[in-house]
PDB file of N, CA and C in Angstrom:
ATOM      1  N   MET A   1       2.442  13.806  12.473  1.00  0.00           N
ATOM      2  CA  MET A   1       1.664  13.089  11.474  1.00  0.00           C
ATOM      3  C   MET A   1       2.245  13.340  10.089  1.00  0.00           C
ATOM      4  N   ASN A   2       2.224  12.331   9.257  1.00  0.00           N
ATOM      5  CA  ASN A   2       2.747  12.423   7.905  1.00  0.00           C
ATOM      6  C   ASN A   2       1.692  13.103   7.032  1.00  0.00           C
ATOM      7  N   GLU A   3       2.053  14.205   6.362  1.00  0.00           N
ATOM      8  CA  GLU A   3       1.072  14.962   5.598  1.00  0.00           C
ATOM      9  C   GLU A   3       1.036  14.609   4.120  1.00  0.00           C
ATOM     10  N   ARG A   4       2.005  13.879   3.634  1.00  0.00           N
ATOM     11  CA  ARG A   4       1.980  13.534   2.208  1.00  0.00           C
ATOM     12  C   ARG A   4       0.982  12.396   1.985  1.00  0.00           C
ATOM     13  N   LEU A   5       0.482  12.340   0.773  1.00  0.00           N
ATOM     14  CA  LEU A   5      -0.420  11.250   0.402  1.00  0.00           C
ATOM     15  C   LEU A   5       0.398  10.110  -0.187  1.00  0.00           C
ATOM     16  N   PRO A   6      -0.071   8.877  -0.017  1.00  0.00           N
ATOM     17  CA  PRO A   6       0.636   7.748  -0.632  1.00  0.00           C
ATOM     18  C   PRO A   6       0.538   7.812  -2.155  1.00  0.00           C
ATOM     19  N   SER A   7       1.607   7.358  -2.816  1.00  0.00           N
ATOM     20  CA  SER A   7       1.575   7.228  -4.282  1.00  0.00           C
ATOM     21  C   SER A   7       0.571   6.126  -4.643  1.00  0.00           C
ATOM     22  N   ASP A   8       0.322   5.964  -5.934  1.00  0.00           N
ATOM     23  CA  ASP A   8      -0.624   4.922  -6.368  1.00  0.00           C
ATOM     24  C   ASP A   8      -0.193   3.531  -5.904  1.00  0.00           C
ATOM     25  N   VAL A   9       1.088   3.193  -6.081  1.00  0.00           N
ATOM     26  CA  VAL A   9       1.575   1.871  -5.663  1.00  0.00           C
ATOM     27  C   VAL A   9       1.519   1.755  -4.147  1.00  0.00           C
ATOM     28  N   GLU A  10       1.930   2.789  -3.436  1.00  0.00           N
ATOM     29  CA  GLU A  10       1.856   2.768  -1.968  1.00  0.00           C
ATOM     30  C   GLU A  10       0.419   2.579  -1.509  1.00  0.00           C
ATOM     31  N   PHE A  11      -0.506   3.289  -2.140  1.00  0.00           N
ATOM     32  CA  PHE A  11      -1.928   3.182  -1.793  1.00  0.00           C
ATOM     33  C   PHE A  11      -2.413   1.744  -1.952  1.00  0.00           C
ATOM     34  N   ARG A  12      -2.078   1.143  -3.083  1.00  0.00           N
ATOM     35  CA  ARG A  12      -2.516  -0.239  -3.330  1.00  0.00           C
ATOM     36  C   ARG A  12      -1.926  -1.207  -2.301  1.00  0.00           C
ATOM     37  N   LEU A  13      -0.634  -1.048  -2.007  1.00  0.00           N
ATOM     38  CA  LEU A  13      -0.004  -1.955  -1.041  1.00  0.00           C
ATOM     39  C   LEU A  13      -0.564  -1.751   0.362  1.00  0.00           C
ATOM     40  N   LEU A  14      -0.804  -0.509   0.756  1.00  0.00           N
ATOM     41  CA  LEU A  14      -1.416  -0.254   2.061  1.00  0.00           C
ATOM     42  C   LEU A  14      -2.788  -0.912   2.146  1.00  0.00           C
ATOM     43  N   ALA A  15      -3.574  -0.784   1.080  1.00  0.00           N
ATOM     44  CA  ALA A  15      -4.915  -1.376   1.063  1.00  0.00           C
ATOM     45  C   ALA A  15      -4.845  -2.904   1.130  1.00  0.00           C
ATOM     46  N   LEU A  16      -3.877  -3.497   0.457  1.00  0.00           N
ATOM     47  CA  LEU A  16      -3.751  -4.954   0.460  1.00  0.00           C
ATOM     48  C   LEU A  16      -3.220  -5.493   1.776  1.00  0.00           C
ATOM     49  N   ALA A  17      -2.539  -4.657   2.562  1.00  0.00           N
ATOM     50  CA  ALA A  17      -1.915  -5.109   3.810  1.00  0.00           C
ATOM     51  C   ALA A  17      -2.710  -4.714   5.050  1.00  0.00           C
ATOM     52  N   VAL A  18      -4.002  -4.402   4.885  1.00  0.00           N
ATOM     53  CA  VAL A  18      -4.806  -4.044   6.054  1.00  0.00           C
ATOM     54  C   VAL A  18      -4.790  -5.195   7.067  1.00  0.00           C
ATOM     55  N   GLU A  19      -4.830  -6.416   6.572  1.00  0.00           N
ATOM     56  CA  GLU A  19      -4.635  -7.595   7.424  1.00  0.00           C
ATOM     57  C   GLU A  19      -3.221  -8.103   7.164  1.00  0.00           C
ATOM     58  N   GLU A  20      -2.529  -8.556   8.209  1.00  0.00           N
ATOM     59  CA  GLU A  20      -1.146  -9.008   8.052  1.00  0.00           C
ATOM     60  C   GLU A  20      -1.052 -10.134   7.032  1.00  0.00           C
ATOM     61  N   GLN A  21      -0.113  -9.945   6.078  1.00  0.00           N
ATOM     62  CA  GLN A  21       0.123 -10.944   5.039  1.00  0.00           C
ATOM     63  C   GLN A  21       1.596 -10.943   4.675  1.00  0.00           C
ATOM     64  N   SER A  22       2.031 -12.064   4.122  1.00  0.00           N
ATOM     65  CA  SER A  22       3.415 -12.144   3.655  1.00  0.00           C
ATOM     66  C   SER A  22       3.573 -11.343   2.366  1.00  0.00           C
ATOM     67  N   GLY A  23       4.812 -10.966   2.077  1.00  0.00           N
ATOM     68  CA  GLY A  23       5.093 -10.267   0.832  1.00  0.00           C
ATOM     69  C   GLY A  23       4.671 -11.076  -0.380  1.00  0.00           C
ATOM     70  N   ARG A  24       4.881 -12.383  -0.324  1.00  0.00           N
ATOM     71  CA  ARG A  24       4.482 -13.255  -1.447  1.00  0.00           C
ATOM     72  C   ARG A  24       2.976 -13.218  -1.673  1.00  0.00           C
ATOM     73  N   GLU A  25       2.216 -13.279  -0.566  1.00  0.00           N
ATOM     74  CA  GLU A  25       0.756 -13.243  -0.685  1.00  0.00           C
ATOM     75  C   GLU A  25       0.288 -11.885  -1.215  1.00  0.00           C
ATOM     76  N   ILE A  26       0.907 -10.821  -0.751  1.00  0.00           N
ATOM     77  CA  ILE A  26       0.532  -9.491  -1.239  1.00  0.00           C
ATOM     78  C   ILE A  26       0.837  -9.369  -2.726  1.00  0.00           C
ATOM     79  N   ALA A  27       1.965  -9.905  -3.177  1.00  0.00           N
ATOM     80  CA  ALA A  27       2.301  -9.873  -4.608  1.00  0.00           C
ATOM     81  C   ALA A  27       1.255 -10.628  -5.422  1.00  0.00           C
ATOM     82  N   ARG A  28       0.803 -11.776  -4.933  1.00  0.00           N
ATOM     83  CA  ARG A  28      -0.252 -12.543  -5.634  1.00  0.00           C
ATOM     84  C   ARG A  28      -1.553 -11.753  -5.687  1.00  0.00           C
ATOM     85  N   ARG A  29      -1.926 -11.158  -4.552  1.00  0.00           N
ATOM     86  CA  ARG A  29      -3.173 -10.383  -4.506  1.00  0.00           C
ATOM     87  C   ARG A  29      -3.073  -9.133  -5.377  1.00  0.00           C
ATOM     88  N   TYR A  30      -1.907  -8.500  -5.404  1.00  0.00           N
ATOM     89  CA  TYR A  30      -1.689  -7.324  -6.257  1.00  0.00           C
ATOM     90  C   TYR A  30      -1.956  -7.692  -7.712  1.00  0.00           C
ATOM     91  N   ARG A  31      -1.349  -8.795  -8.158  1.00  0.00           N
ATOM     92  CA  ARG A  31      -1.533  -9.246  -9.545  1.00  0.00           C
ATOM     93  C   ARG A  31      -3.019  -9.498  -9.831  1.00  0.00           C
ATOM     94  N   HIS A  32      -3.728 -10.127  -8.899  1.00  0.00           N
ATOM     95  CA  HIS A  32      -5.151 -10.430  -9.075  1.00  0.00           C
ATOM     96  C   HIS A  32      -5.999  -9.153  -9.096  1.00  0.00           C
ATOM     97  N   GLU A  33      -5.734  -8.240  -8.169  1.00  0.00           N
ATOM     98  CA  GLU A  33      -6.559  -7.031  -8.033  1.00  0.00           C
ATOM     99  C   GLU A  33      -6.238  -5.965  -9.075  1.00  0.00           C
ATOM    100  N   VAL A  34      -4.970  -5.784  -9.404  1.00  0.00           N
ATOM    101  CA  VAL A  34      -4.552  -4.700 -10.287  1.00  0.00           C
ATOM    102  C   VAL A  34      -4.500  -5.139 -11.748  1.00  0.00           C
ATOM    103  N   GLY A  35      -4.249  -6.429 -11.971  1.00  0.00           N
ATOM    104  CA  GLY A  35      -4.224  -6.943 -13.336  1.00  0.00           C
ATOM    105  C   GLY A  35      -2.841  -7.045 -13.943  1.00  0.00           C
ATOM    106  N   HIS A  36      -1.812  -6.698 -13.171  1.00  0.00           N
ATOM    107  CA  HIS A  36      -0.429  -6.904 -13.617  1.00  0.00           C
ATOM    108  C   HIS A  36       0.443  -7.132 -12.393  1.00  0.00           C
ATOM    109  N   SER A  37       1.608  -7.690 -12.647  1.00  0.00           N
ATOM    110  CA  SER A  37       2.511  -8.058 -11.554  1.00  0.00           C
ATOM    111  C   SER A  37       3.255  -6.848 -11.008  1.00  0.00           C
ATOM    112  N   ILE A  38       3.724  -6.997  -9.775  1.00  0.00           N
ATOM    113  CA  ILE A  38       4.640  -6.054  -9.163  1.00  0.00           C
ATOM    114  C   ILE A  38       5.914  -6.844  -8.869  1.00  0.00           C
ATOM    115  N   SER A  39       7.053  -6.301  -9.216  1.00  0.00           N
ATOM    116  CA  SER A  39       8.293  -7.033  -8.963  1.00  0.00           C
ATOM    117  C   SER A  39       8.549  -7.082  -7.459  1.00  0.00           C
ATOM    118  N   TYR A  40       9.249  -8.119  -7.030  1.00  0.00           N
ATOM    119  CA  TYR A  40       9.568  -8.216  -5.603  1.00  0.00           C
ATOM    120  C   TYR A  40      10.479  -7.067  -5.183  1.00  0.00           C
ATOM    121  N   GLY A  41      11.327  -6.587  -6.079  1.00  0.00           N
ATOM    122  CA  GLY A  41      12.181  -5.450  -5.763  1.00  0.00           C
ATOM    123  C   GLY A  41      11.351  -4.210  -5.460  1.00  0.00           C
ATOM    124  N   THR A  42      10.367  -3.935  -6.307  1.00  0.00           N
ATOM    125  CA  THR A  42       9.483  -2.791  -6.087  1.00  0.00           C
ATOM    126  C   THR A  42       8.659  -2.983  -4.825  1.00  0.00           C
ATOM    127  N   LEU A  43       8.132  -4.183  -4.628  1.00  0.00           N
ATOM    128  CA  LEU A  43       7.306  -4.467  -3.460  1.00  0.00           C
ATOM    129  C   LEU A  43       8.076  -4.221  -2.163  1.00  0.00           C
ATOM    130  N   TYR A  44       9.256  -4.825  -2.042  1.00  0.00           N
ATOM    131  CA  TYR A  44      10.003  -4.713  -0.785  1.00  0.00           C
ATOM    132  C   TYR A  44      10.603  -3.321  -0.595  1.00  0.00           C
ATOM    133  N   THR A  45      11.011  -2.663  -1.677  1.00  0.00           N
ATOM    134  CA  THR A  45      11.516  -1.288  -1.567  1.00  0.00           C
ATOM    135  C   THR A  45      10.396  -0.348  -1.132  1.00  0.00           C
ATOM    136  N   THR A  46       9.221  -0.533  -1.711  1.00  0.00           N
ATOM    137  CA  THR A  46       8.083   0.311  -1.338  1.00  0.00           C
ATOM    138  C   THR A  46       7.676   0.052   0.102  1.00  0.00           C
ATOM    139  N   PHE A  47       7.643  -1.215   0.520  1.00  0.00           N
ATOM    140  CA  PHE A  47       7.301  -1.497   1.914  1.00  0.00           C
ATOM    141  C   PHE A  47       8.353  -0.929   2.876  1.00  0.00           C
ATOM    142  N   ARG A  48       9.615  -0.895   2.482  1.00  0.00           N
ATOM    143  CA  ARG A  48      10.639  -0.278   3.337  1.00  0.00           C
ATOM    144  C   ARG A  48      10.334   1.211   3.507  1.00  0.00           C
ATOM    145  N   ARG A  49       9.965   1.856   2.412  1.00  0.00           N
ATOM    146  CA  ARG A  49       9.612   3.275   2.458  1.00  0.00           C
ATOM    147  C   ARG A  49       8.370   3.494   3.329  1.00  0.00           C
ATOM    148  N   LEU A  50       7.387   2.601   3.209  1.00  0.00           N
ATOM    149  CA  LEU A  50       6.166   2.706   4.014  1.00  0.00           C
ATOM    150  C   LEU A  50       6.466   2.487   5.497  1.00  0.00           C
ATOM    151  N   LYS A  51       7.377   1.565   5.791  1.00  0.00           N
ATOM    152  CA  LYS A  51       7.789   1.338   7.176  1.00  0.00           C
ATOM    153  C   LYS A  51       8.481   2.577   7.730  1.00  0.00           C
ATOM    154  N   ASP A  52       9.386   3.161   6.945  1.00  0.00           N
ATOM    155  CA  ASP A  52      10.099   4.366   7.374  1.00  0.00           C
ATOM    156  C   ASP A  52       9.137   5.522   7.639  1.00  0.00           C
ATOM    157  N   ALA A  53       8.031   5.569   6.884  1.00  0.00           N
ATOM    158  CA  ALA A  53       7.020   6.610   7.074  1.00  0.00           C
ATOM    159  C   ALA A  53       6.108   6.300   8.261  1.00  0.00           C
ATOM    160  N   GLY A  54       6.217   5.079   8.817  1.00  0.00           N
ATOM    161  CA  GLY A  54       5.355   4.674   9.926  1.00  0.00           C
ATOM    162  C   GLY A  54       3.998   4.159   9.485  1.00  0.00           C
ATOM    163  N   TRP A  55       3.871   3.855   8.196  1.00  0.00           N
ATOM    164  CA  TRP A  55       2.581   3.427   7.656  1.00  0.00           C
ATOM    165  C   TRP A  55       2.359   1.919   7.659  1.00  0.00           C
ATOM    166  N   VAL A  56       3.410   1.131   7.856  1.00  0.00           N
ATOM    167  CA  VAL A  56       3.252  -0.324   7.964  1.00  0.00           C
ATOM    168  C   VAL A  56       4.121  -0.861   9.096  1.00  0.00           C
ATOM    169  N   LYS A  57       3.679  -1.997   9.617  1.00  0.00           N
ATOM    170  CA  LYS A  57       4.466  -2.766  10.579  1.00  0.00           C
ATOM    171  C   LYS A  57       5.010  -3.977   9.835  1.00  0.00           C
ATOM    172  N   VAL A  58       6.242  -4.350  10.153  1.00  0.00           N
ATOM    173  CA  VAL A  58       6.892  -5.480   9.483  1.00  0.00           C
ATOM    174  C   VAL A  58       7.285  -6.503  10.540  1.00  0.00           C
ATOM    175  N   ARG A  59       6.985  -7.769  10.220  1.00  0.00           N
ATOM    176  CA  ARG A  59       7.390  -8.871  11.094  1.00  0.00           C
ATOM    177  C   ARG A  59       8.156  -9.867  10.240  1.00  0.00           C
ATOM    178  N   GLU A  60       9.318 -10.269  10.726  1.00  0.00           N
ATOM    179  CA  GLU A  60      10.147 -11.238  10.000  1.00  0.00           C
ATOM    180  C   GLU A  60       9.978 -12.613  10.630  1.00  0.00           C
ATOM    181  N   ASP A  61       9.955 -13.631   9.783  1.00  0.00           N
ATOM    182  CA  ASP A  61       9.822 -15.013  10.220  1.00  0.00           C
ATOM    183  C   ASP A  61      10.548 -15.873   9.193  1.00  0.00           C
ATOM    184  N   SER A  62      10.425 -17.179   9.316  1.00  0.00           N
ATOM    185  CA  SER A  62      11.008 -18.066   8.321  1.00  0.00           C
ATOM    186  C   SER A  62      10.088 -19.260   8.117  1.00  0.00           C
ATOM    187  N   ASP A  63      10.215 -19.862   6.951  1.00  0.00           N
ATOM    188  CA  ASP A  63       9.493 -21.093   6.645  1.00  0.00           C
ATOM    189  C   ASP A  63      10.458 -22.027   5.919  1.00  0.00           C
ATOM    190  N   VAL A  64       9.956 -23.084   5.338  1.00  0.00           N
ATOM    191  CA  VAL A  64      10.824 -24.061   4.680  1.00  0.00           C
ATOM    192  C   VAL A  64      11.575 -23.456   3.493  1.00  0.00           C
ATOM    193  N   ASP A  65      11.025 -22.388   2.895  1.00  0.00           N
ATOM    194  CA  ASP A  65      11.667 -21.733   1.755  1.00  0.00           C
ATOM    195  C   ASP A  65      12.661 -20.655   2.184  1.00  0.00           C
ATOM    196  N   GLY A  66      12.746 -20.345   3.459  1.00  0.00           N
ATOM    197  CA  GLY A  66      13.663 -19.308   3.928  1.00  0.00           C
ATOM    198  C   GLY A  66      12.946 -18.194   4.659  1.00  0.00           C
ATOM    199  N   ARG A  67      13.506 -17.001   4.576  1.00  0.00           N
ATOM    200  CA  ARG A  67      12.982 -15.840   5.283  1.00  0.00           C
ATOM    201  C   ARG A  67      11.661 -15.372   4.670  1.00  0.00           C
ATOM    202  N   VAL A  68      10.729 -14.983   5.550  1.00  0.00           N
ATOM    203  CA  VAL A  68       9.436 -14.466   5.124  1.00  0.00           C
ATOM    204  C   VAL A  68       9.187 -13.164   5.880  1.00  0.00           C
ATOM    205  N   ARG A  69       8.761 -12.136   5.162  1.00  0.00           N
ATOM    206  CA  ARG A  69       8.384 -10.884   5.798  1.00  0.00           C
ATOM    207  C   ARG A  69       6.878 -10.730   5.717  1.00  0.00           C
ATOM    208  N   PHE A  70       6.306 -10.332   6.842  1.00  0.00           N
ATOM    209  CA  PHE A  70       4.876 -10.070   6.929  1.00  0.00           C
ATOM    210  C   PHE A  70       4.677  -8.573   7.109  1.00  0.00           C
ATOM    211  N   PHE A  71       3.657  -8.058   6.446  1.00  0.00           N
ATOM    212  CA  PHE A  71       3.367  -6.629   6.481  1.00  0.00           C
ATOM    213  C   PHE A  71       1.936  -6.404   6.925  1.00  0.00           C
ATOM    214  N   GLN A  72       1.740  -5.323   7.694  1.00  0.00           N
ATOM    215  CA  GLN A  72       0.389  -4.928   8.082  1.00  0.00           C
ATOM    216  C   GLN A  72       0.342  -3.408   8.175  1.00  0.00           C
ATOM    217  N   THR A  73      -0.696  -2.832   7.613  1.00  0.00           N
ATOM    218  CA  THR A  73      -0.887  -1.388   7.653  1.00  0.00           C
ATOM    219  C   THR A  73      -1.084  -0.950   9.096  1.00  0.00           C
ATOM    220  N   SER A  74      -0.363   0.084   9.510  1.00  0.00           N
ATOM    221  CA  SER A  74      -0.462   0.617  10.879  1.00  0.00           C
ATOM    222  C   SER A  74      -1.620   1.613  10.971  1.00  0.00           C
ATOM    223  N   GLY A  75      -1.853   2.105  12.181  1.00  0.00           N
ATOM    224  CA  GLY A  75      -2.878   3.134  12.362  1.00  0.00           C
ATOM    225  C   GLY A  75      -2.592   4.370  11.518  1.00  0.00           C
ATOM    226  N   ALA A  76      -1.320   4.786  11.481  1.00  0.00           N
ATOM    227  CA  ALA A  76      -0.945   5.937  10.654  1.00  0.00           C
ATOM    228  C   ALA A  76      -1.171   5.632   9.167  1.00  0.00           C
ATOM    229  N   GLY A  77      -0.919   4.388   8.765  1.00  0.00           N
ATOM    230  CA  GLY A  77      -1.155   3.981   7.380  1.00  0.00           C
ATOM    231  C   GLY A  77      -2.632   3.992   7.029  1.00  0.00           C
ATOM    232  N   LEU A  78      -3.469   3.578   7.980  1.00  0.00           N
ATOM    233  CA  LEU A  78      -4.922   3.622   7.748  1.00  0.00           C
ATOM    234  C   LEU A  78      -5.393   5.061   7.593  1.00  0.00           C
ATOM    235  N   ARG A  79      -4.813   5.973   8.380  1.00  0.00           N
ATOM    236  CA  ARG A  79      -5.158   7.395   8.246  1.00  0.00           C
ATOM    237  C   ARG A  79      -4.692   7.933   6.893  1.00  0.00           C
ATOM    238  N   ALA A  80      -3.507   7.499   6.430  1.00  0.00           N
ATOM    239  CA  ALA A  80      -3.013   7.918   5.112  1.00  0.00           C
ATOM    240  C   ALA A  80      -3.923   7.388   4.001  1.00  0.00           C
ATOM    241  N   LEU A  81      -4.394   6.147   4.145  1.00  0.00           N
ATOM    242  CA  LEU A  81      -5.342   5.586   3.175  1.00  0.00           C
ATOM    243  C   LEU A  81      -6.623   6.406   3.132  1.00  0.00           C
ATOM    244  N   ALA A  82      -7.150   6.746   4.308  1.00  0.00           N
ATOM    245  CA  ALA A  82      -8.389   7.526   4.383  1.00  0.00           C
ATOM    246  C   ALA A  82      -8.196   8.906   3.753  1.00  0.00           C
ATOM    247  N   ALA A  83      -7.056   9.541   4.011  1.00  0.00           N
ATOM    248  CA  ALA A  83      -6.783  10.858   3.425  1.00  0.00           C
ATOM    249  C   ALA A  83      -6.685  10.754   1.906  1.00  0.00           C
ATOM    250  N   ALA A  84      -6.040   9.706   1.407  1.00  0.00           N
ATOM    251  CA  ALA A  84      -5.909   9.522  -0.040  1.00  0.00           C
ATOM    252  C   ALA A  84      -7.270   9.249  -0.672  1.00  0.00           C
ATOM    253  N   ARG A  85      -8.084   8.431  -0.020  1.00  0.00           N
ATOM    254  CA  ARG A  85      -9.434   8.160  -0.546  1.00  0.00           C
ATOM    255  C   ARG A  85     -10.240   9.450  -0.620  1.00  0.00           C
ATOM    256  N   SER A  86     -10.169  10.258   0.420  1.00  0.00           N
ATOM    257  CA  SER A  86     -10.886  11.527   0.459  1.00  0.00           C
ATOM    258  C   SER A  86     -10.387  12.461  -0.645  1.00  0.00           C
ATOM    259  N   HIS A  87      -9.078  12.514  -0.810  1.00  0.00           N
ATOM    260  CA  HIS A  87      -8.478  13.351  -1.852  1.00  0.00           C
ATOM    261  C   HIS A  87      -8.954  12.920  -3.236  1.00  0.00           C
ATOM    262  N   HIS A  88      -8.922  11.609  -3.497  1.00  0.00           N
ATOM    263  CA  HIS A  88      -9.342  11.102  -4.810  1.00  0.00           C
ATOM    264  C   HIS A  88     -10.835  11.279  -5.032  1.00  0.00           C
ATOM    265  N   ALA A  89     -11.638  11.144  -3.983  1.00  0.00           N
ATOM    266  CA  ALA A  89     -13.080  11.373  -4.109  1.00  0.00           C
ATOM    267  C   ALA A  89     -13.355  12.830  -4.459  1.00  0.00           C
ATOM    268  N   ALA A  90     -12.614  13.748  -3.830  1.00  0.00           N
ATOM    269  CA  ALA A  90     -12.787  15.168  -4.138  1.00  0.00           C
ATOM    270  C   ALA A  90     -12.393  15.451  -5.590  1.00  0.00           C
ATOM    271  N   LEU A  91     -11.302  14.837  -6.053  1.00  0.00           N
ATOM    272  CA  LEU A  91     -10.894  15.020  -7.449  1.00  0.00           C
ATOM    273  C   LEU A  91     -11.937  14.461  -8.413  1.00  0.00           C
ATOM    274  N   ALA A  92     -12.507  13.318  -8.066  1.00  0.00           N
ATOM    275  CA  ALA A  92     -13.498  12.678  -8.934  1.00  0.00           C
ATOM    276  C   ALA A  92     -14.768  13.517  -9.045  1.00  0.00           C
ATOM    277  N   SER A  93     -15.076  14.294  -8.015  1.00  0.00           N
ATOM    278  CA  SER A  93     -16.296  15.091  -8.056  1.00  0.00           C
ATOM    279  C   SER A  93     -16.061  16.510  -8.597  1.00  0.00           C
ATOM    280  N   PHE A  94     -14.814  16.815  -8.942  1.00  0.00           N
ATOM    281  CA  PHE A  94     -14.468  18.123  -9.479  1.00  0.00           C
ATOM    282  C   PHE A  94     -15.188  18.331 -10.803  1.00  0.00           C
ATOM    283  N   GLN A  95     -15.804  19.485 -10.994  1.00  0.00           N
ATOM    284  CA  GLN A  95     -16.629  19.732 -12.181  1.00  0.00           C
ATOM    285  C   GLN A  95     -15.776  20.234 -13.330  1.00  0.00           C
ATOM    286  N   LEU A  96     -15.358  19.332 -14.171  1.00  0.00           N
ATOM    287  CA  LEU A  96     -14.567  19.701 -15.346  1.00  0.00           C
ATOM    288  C   LEU A  96     -15.453  20.134 -16.510  1.00  0.00           C
ATOM    289  N   GLY A  97     -16.746  19.823 -16.450  1.00  0.00           N
ATOM    290  CA  GLY A  97     -17.653  20.131 -17.552  1.00  0.00           C
ATOM    291  C   GLY A  97     -17.959  21.597 -17.710  1.00  0.00           C
ATOM    292  N   THR A  98     -17.521  22.460 -16.812  1.00  0.00           N
ATOM    293  CA  THR A  98     -17.840  23.876 -16.900  1.00  0.00           C
ATOM    294  C   THR A  98     -16.899  24.647 -17.820  1.00  0.00           C
ATOM    295  N   VAL A  99     -15.802  24.029 -18.255  1.00  0.00           N
ATOM    296  CA  VAL A  99     -14.850  24.688 -19.139  1.00  0.00           C
ATOM    297  C   VAL A  99     -15.356  24.619 -20.566  1.00  0.00           C
ATOM    298  N   ARG A 100     -15.329  25.743 -21.259  1.00  0.00           N
ATOM    299  CA  ARG A 100     -15.829  25.761 -22.655  1.00  0.00           C
ATOM    300  C   ARG A 100     -14.785  26.263 -23.583  1.00  0.00           C
TER     301      ARG A 100
END
């Protein structure tokens, strides 16, 4: 099992790819959800890293515009998302107000 937590960008892409979607669709949803664009270079490089970690499945296809890659978060990726959510929830509940 992979013990590292996903980075912020990895976390967002894993969350957006819970259902299989094309890279183009994920880029559109990223812009809508996050409020700024992600370059296709960053998107595809990050998905390659996520695939190498076993956190996403990749399917290649083609359409009238050429090659299309589809991504879907794997079971291991869902576990990484859950671990990251738990980690961030624990950080959010950390009592910083006790320092004087």
